[in-house]
């Protein structure tokens, strides 16, 4: 029984050592990749788009091509649907 306990302790130590090794390797890999990306970002910066500085205009329903009559018809249909289905509750 002591032999089995010792085997479990050794297995736990080996598992813990493996997990620490993988964690350290992945941490170093992340640090290395970030350092490379910083150097590449300095050497090859992103181009600045001049059109991105313009303010976006708020579109109205007339600019989208939807006429006020269609909006009124949809609103009326939704209102009728709600009145019809709220009475069943």
N, C-alpha and C. Protein backbone atom coordinates (compact mmCIF):
# COMPACT_ATOMS: atom_id res chain seq x y z
N UNK A 1 0.81 -1.19 0.00
CA UNK A 1 0.00 0.00 0.00
C UNK A 1 0.86 1.27 0.00
N UNK A 2 1.99 1.21 0.72
CA UNK A 2 2.89 2.36 0.73
C UNK A 2 3.50 2.58 -0.64
N UNK A 3 3.72 1.49 -1.35
CA UNK A 3 4.30 1.59 -2.69
C UNK A 3 3.34 2.33 -3.62
N UNK A 4 2.04 2.03 -3.50
CA UNK A 4 1.03 2.67 -4.33
C UNK A 4 0.94 4.16 -3.99
N UNK A 5 1.00 4.49 -2.71
CA UNK A 5 0.96 5.89 -2.28
C UNK A 5 2.17 6.64 -2.83
N UNK A 6 3.31 6.03 -2.77
CA UNK A 6 4.53 6.66 -3.29
C UNK A 6 4.44 6.87 -4.80
N UNK A 7 3.81 5.92 -5.51
CA UNK A 7 3.63 6.08 -6.95
C UNK A 7 2.71 7.26 -7.27
N UNK A 8 1.63 7.41 -6.47
CA UNK A 8 0.73 8.55 -6.69
C UNK A 8 1.42 9.88 -6.39
N UNK A 9 2.26 9.91 -5.37
CA UNK A 9 3.00 11.13 -5.05
C UNK A 9 3.97 11.47 -6.18
N UNK A 10 4.66 10.46 -6.69
CA UNK A 10 5.58 10.69 -7.81
C UNK A 10 4.84 11.15 -9.06
N UNK A 11 3.66 10.55 -9.31
CA UNK A 11 2.86 10.95 -10.47
C UNK A 11 2.40 12.40 -10.32
N UNK A 12 2.00 12.79 -9.11
CA UNK A 12 1.58 14.17 -8.87
C UNK A 12 2.71 15.16 -9.08
N UNK A 13 3.91 14.79 -8.61
CA UNK A 13 5.07 15.66 -8.80
C UNK A 13 5.39 15.81 -10.29
N UNK A 14 5.34 14.70 -11.01
CA UNK A 14 5.63 14.73 -12.45
C UNK A 14 4.59 15.58 -13.19
N UNK A 15 3.31 15.42 -12.80
CA UNK A 15 2.25 16.19 -13.44
C UNK A 15 2.43 17.68 -13.14
N UNK A 16 2.74 18.01 -11.90
CA UNK A 16 2.95 19.41 -11.53
C UNK A 16 4.14 20.01 -12.27
N UNK A 17 5.22 19.24 -12.38
CA UNK A 17 6.40 19.72 -13.11
C UNK A 17 6.06 19.96 -14.58
N UNK A 18 5.28 19.07 -15.17
CA UNK A 18 4.87 19.24 -16.57
C UNK A 18 4.00 20.47 -16.76
N UNK A 19 3.08 20.69 -15.83
CA UNK A 19 2.20 21.86 -15.94
C UNK A 19 2.99 23.15 -15.79
N UNK A 20 3.96 23.17 -14.87
CA UNK A 20 4.79 24.37 -14.70
C UNK A 20 5.62 24.62 -15.95
N UNK A 21 6.16 23.55 -16.53
CA UNK A 21 6.95 23.70 -17.75
C UNK A 21 6.11 24.26 -18.89
N UNK A 22 4.91 23.72 -19.09
CA UNK A 22 4.03 24.19 -20.17
C UNK A 22 3.63 25.65 -19.93
N UNK A 23 3.28 25.99 -18.68
CA UNK A 23 2.90 27.36 -18.36
C UNK A 23 4.05 28.33 -18.64
N UNK A 24 5.25 27.95 -18.23
CA UNK A 24 6.42 28.82 -18.46
C UNK A 24 6.70 28.95 -19.95
N UNK A 25 6.61 27.85 -20.69
CA UNK A 25 6.87 27.89 -22.13
C UNK A 25 5.87 28.80 -22.83
N UNK A 26 4.59 28.65 -22.50
CA UNK A 26 3.57 29.48 -23.16
C UNK A 26 3.72 30.95 -22.76
N UNK A 27 4.07 31.22 -21.51
CA UNK A 27 4.30 32.60 -21.09
C UNK A 27 5.44 33.24 -21.85
N UNK A 28 6.55 32.51 -21.98
CA UNK A 28 7.69 33.02 -22.74
C UNK A 28 7.34 33.20 -24.21
N UNK A 29 6.54 32.30 -24.75
CA UNK A 29 6.12 32.41 -26.15
C UNK A 29 5.29 33.68 -26.36
N UNK A 30 4.39 33.97 -25.44
CA UNK A 30 3.57 35.18 -25.55
C UNK A 30 4.44 36.43 -25.47
N UNK A 31 5.39 36.44 -24.54
CA UNK A 31 6.29 37.59 -24.41
C UNK A 31 7.12 37.76 -25.69
N UNK A 32 7.64 36.68 -26.24
CA UNK A 32 8.43 36.74 -27.46
C UNK A 32 7.61 37.26 -28.64
N UNK A 33 6.39 36.76 -28.79
CA UNK A 33 5.54 37.20 -29.90
C UNK A 33 5.20 38.68 -29.77
N UNK A 34 4.91 39.13 -28.55
CA UNK A 34 4.61 40.55 -28.36
C UNK A 34 5.81 41.43 -28.68
N UNK A 35 7.01 41.00 -28.33
CA UNK A 35 8.21 41.78 -28.65
C UNK A 35 8.41 41.87 -30.15
N UNK A 36 8.19 40.77 -30.85
CA UNK A 36 8.33 40.78 -32.31
C UNK A 36 7.28 41.69 -32.93
N UNK A 37 6.05 41.64 -32.42
CA UNK A 37 4.99 42.48 -32.98
C UNK A 37 5.27 43.97 -32.74
N UNK A 38 5.84 44.31 -31.61
CA UNK A 38 6.17 45.71 -31.34
C UNK A 38 7.21 46.20 -32.35
N UNK A 39 8.22 45.39 -32.60
CA UNK A 39 9.25 45.78 -33.56
C UNK A 39 8.68 45.89 -34.97
N UNK A 40 7.80 44.98 -35.33
CA UNK A 40 7.19 45.04 -36.66
C UNK A 40 6.24 46.23 -36.78
N UNK A 41 5.53 46.57 -35.71
CA UNK A 41 4.62 47.71 -35.75
C UNK A 41 5.38 49.01 -35.94
N UNK A 42 6.57 49.09 -35.37
CA UNK A 42 7.38 50.30 -35.56
C UNK A 42 7.89 50.37 -37.00
N UNK A 43 8.30 49.23 -37.53
CA UNK A 43 8.86 49.20 -38.88
C UNK A 43 7.78 49.36 -39.95
N UNK A 44 6.62 48.75 -39.75
CA UNK A 44 5.52 48.80 -40.72
C UNK A 44 4.26 49.34 -40.06
N UNK A 45 4.13 50.67 -39.89
CA UNK A 45 2.93 51.21 -39.24
C UNK A 45 1.71 51.09 -40.15
N UNK A 46 0.53 51.08 -39.53
CA UNK A 46 -0.71 51.03 -40.29
C UNK A 46 -0.93 52.36 -41.01
N UNK A 47 -1.40 52.31 -42.26
CA UNK A 47 -1.68 53.57 -42.96
C UNK A 47 -2.90 54.24 -42.35
N UNK A 48 -2.86 55.57 -42.27
CA UNK A 48 -3.97 56.33 -41.70
C UNK A 48 -4.91 56.70 -42.82
N UNK A 49 -6.18 56.37 -42.65
CA UNK A 49 -7.19 56.67 -43.64
C UNK A 49 -7.70 58.09 -43.40
N UNK A 50 -7.62 58.95 -44.40
CA UNK A 50 -8.03 60.35 -44.26
C UNK A 50 -9.55 60.48 -44.19
N UNK A 51 -10.29 59.52 -44.74
CA UNK A 51 -11.75 59.60 -44.75
C UNK A 51 -12.34 59.25 -43.39
N UNK A 52 -11.57 58.64 -42.51
CA UNK A 52 -12.12 58.22 -41.22
C UNK A 52 -12.39 59.39 -40.29
N UNK A 53 -11.86 60.54 -40.60
CA UNK A 53 -12.05 61.71 -39.73
C UNK A 53 -13.37 62.42 -39.98
N UNK A 54 -14.02 62.12 -41.07
CA UNK A 54 -15.30 62.76 -41.36
C UNK A 54 -16.36 62.23 -40.41
N UNK A 55 -17.27 63.12 -40.03
CA UNK A 55 -18.35 62.72 -39.14
C UNK A 55 -19.40 61.96 -39.93
N UNK A 56 -19.91 60.92 -39.30
CA UNK A 56 -20.96 60.13 -39.93
C UNK A 56 -22.28 60.89 -39.82
N UNK A 57 -23.00 60.95 -40.91
CA UNK A 57 -24.28 61.63 -40.91
C UNK A 57 -25.37 60.65 -40.49
N UNK A 58 -26.34 61.16 -39.75
CA UNK A 58 -27.46 60.33 -39.32
C UNK A 58 -28.43 60.24 -40.48
N UNK A 59 -28.77 59.02 -40.84
CA UNK A 59 -29.68 58.82 -41.97
C UNK A 59 -31.12 58.89 -41.49
N UNK A 60 -31.95 59.52 -42.27
CA UNK A 60 -33.38 59.54 -41.99
C UNK A 60 -34.05 58.52 -42.89
N UNK A 61 -35.32 58.32 -42.64
CA UNK A 61 -36.03 57.33 -43.45
C UNK A 61 -36.14 57.77 -44.90
N UNK A 62 -36.14 59.07 -45.16
CA UNK A 62 -36.22 59.55 -46.54
C UNK A 62 -34.92 59.27 -47.29
N UNK A 63 -33.78 59.36 -46.61
CA UNK A 63 -32.51 59.09 -47.26
C UNK A 63 -32.35 57.61 -47.56
N UNK A 64 -32.96 56.76 -46.76
CA UNK A 64 -32.86 55.32 -46.98
C UNK A 64 -33.75 54.86 -48.12
N UNK A 65 -34.64 55.70 -48.58
CA UNK A 65 -35.52 55.33 -49.68
C UNK A 65 -36.85 54.77 -49.21
N UNK A 66 -37.14 54.80 -47.92
CA UNK A 66 -38.42 54.32 -47.41
C UNK A 66 -39.35 55.52 -47.29
N UNK A 67 -40.46 55.45 -47.98
CA UNK A 67 -41.37 56.59 -47.98
C UNK A 67 -42.17 56.63 -46.68
N UNK A 68 -42.64 57.81 -46.31
CA UNK A 68 -43.44 57.94 -45.08
C UNK A 68 -44.74 57.13 -45.14
N UNK A 69 -45.29 56.92 -46.34
CA UNK A 69 -46.51 56.13 -46.46
C UNK A 69 -46.26 54.67 -46.07
N UNK A 70 -45.10 54.14 -46.44
CA UNK A 70 -44.77 52.76 -46.09
C UNK A 70 -44.55 52.65 -44.58
N UNK A 71 -43.90 53.63 -44.00
CA UNK A 71 -43.69 53.62 -42.55
C UNK A 71 -45.03 53.68 -41.83
N UNK A 72 -45.95 54.50 -42.32
CA UNK A 72 -47.28 54.60 -41.71
C UNK A 72 -48.04 53.29 -41.85
N UNK A 73 -47.94 52.63 -43.00
CA UNK A 73 -48.63 51.36 -43.21
C UNK A 73 -48.08 50.28 -42.28
N UNK A 74 -46.79 50.23 -42.12
CA UNK A 74 -46.18 49.24 -41.23
C UNK A 74 -46.58 49.52 -39.79
N UNK A 75 -46.57 50.78 -39.39
CA UNK A 75 -46.96 51.14 -38.03
C UNK A 75 -48.41 50.77 -37.76
N UNK A 76 -49.28 51.01 -38.72
CA UNK A 76 -50.68 50.65 -38.58
C UNK A 76 -50.86 49.14 -38.47
N UNK A 77 -50.14 48.39 -39.28
CA UNK A 77 -50.24 46.93 -39.23
C UNK A 77 -49.75 46.38 -37.89
N UNK A 78 -48.68 46.93 -37.38
CA UNK A 78 -48.16 46.49 -36.08
C UNK A 78 -49.15 46.82 -34.98
N UNK A 79 -49.74 48.00 -35.04
CA UNK A 79 -50.73 48.40 -34.04
C UNK A 79 -51.94 47.48 -34.07
N UNK A 80 -52.43 47.16 -35.25
CA UNK A 80 -53.57 46.25 -35.37
C UNK A 80 -53.22 44.85 -34.87
N UNK A 81 -52.04 44.38 -35.16
CA UNK A 81 -51.61 43.06 -34.69
C UNK A 81 -51.55 43.01 -33.17
N UNK A 82 -51.01 44.07 -32.57
CA UNK A 82 -50.91 44.11 -31.11
C UNK A 82 -52.29 44.16 -30.46
N UNK A 83 -53.21 44.94 -31.04
CA UNK A 83 -54.56 45.01 -30.49
C UNK A 83 -55.26 43.67 -30.60
N UNK A 84 -55.07 42.99 -31.70
CA UNK A 84 -55.73 41.70 -31.93
C UNK A 84 -55.19 40.63 -30.98
N UNK A 85 -53.92 40.60 -30.75
CA UNK A 85 -53.30 39.54 -29.96
C UNK A 85 -53.23 39.86 -28.47
N UNK A 86 -53.39 41.10 -28.07
CA UNK A 86 -53.41 41.44 -26.65
C UNK A 86 -54.75 41.10 -26.01
N UNK A 87 -55.83 41.03 -26.80
CA UNK A 87 -57.15 40.70 -26.26
C UNK A 87 -57.25 39.24 -25.85
N UNK A 88 -56.40 38.37 -26.39
CA UNK A 88 -56.45 36.94 -26.09
C UNK A 88 -55.83 36.61 -24.74
N UNK A 89 -55.09 37.51 -24.15
CA UNK A 89 -54.42 37.23 -22.87
C UNK A 89 -55.39 37.22 -21.80
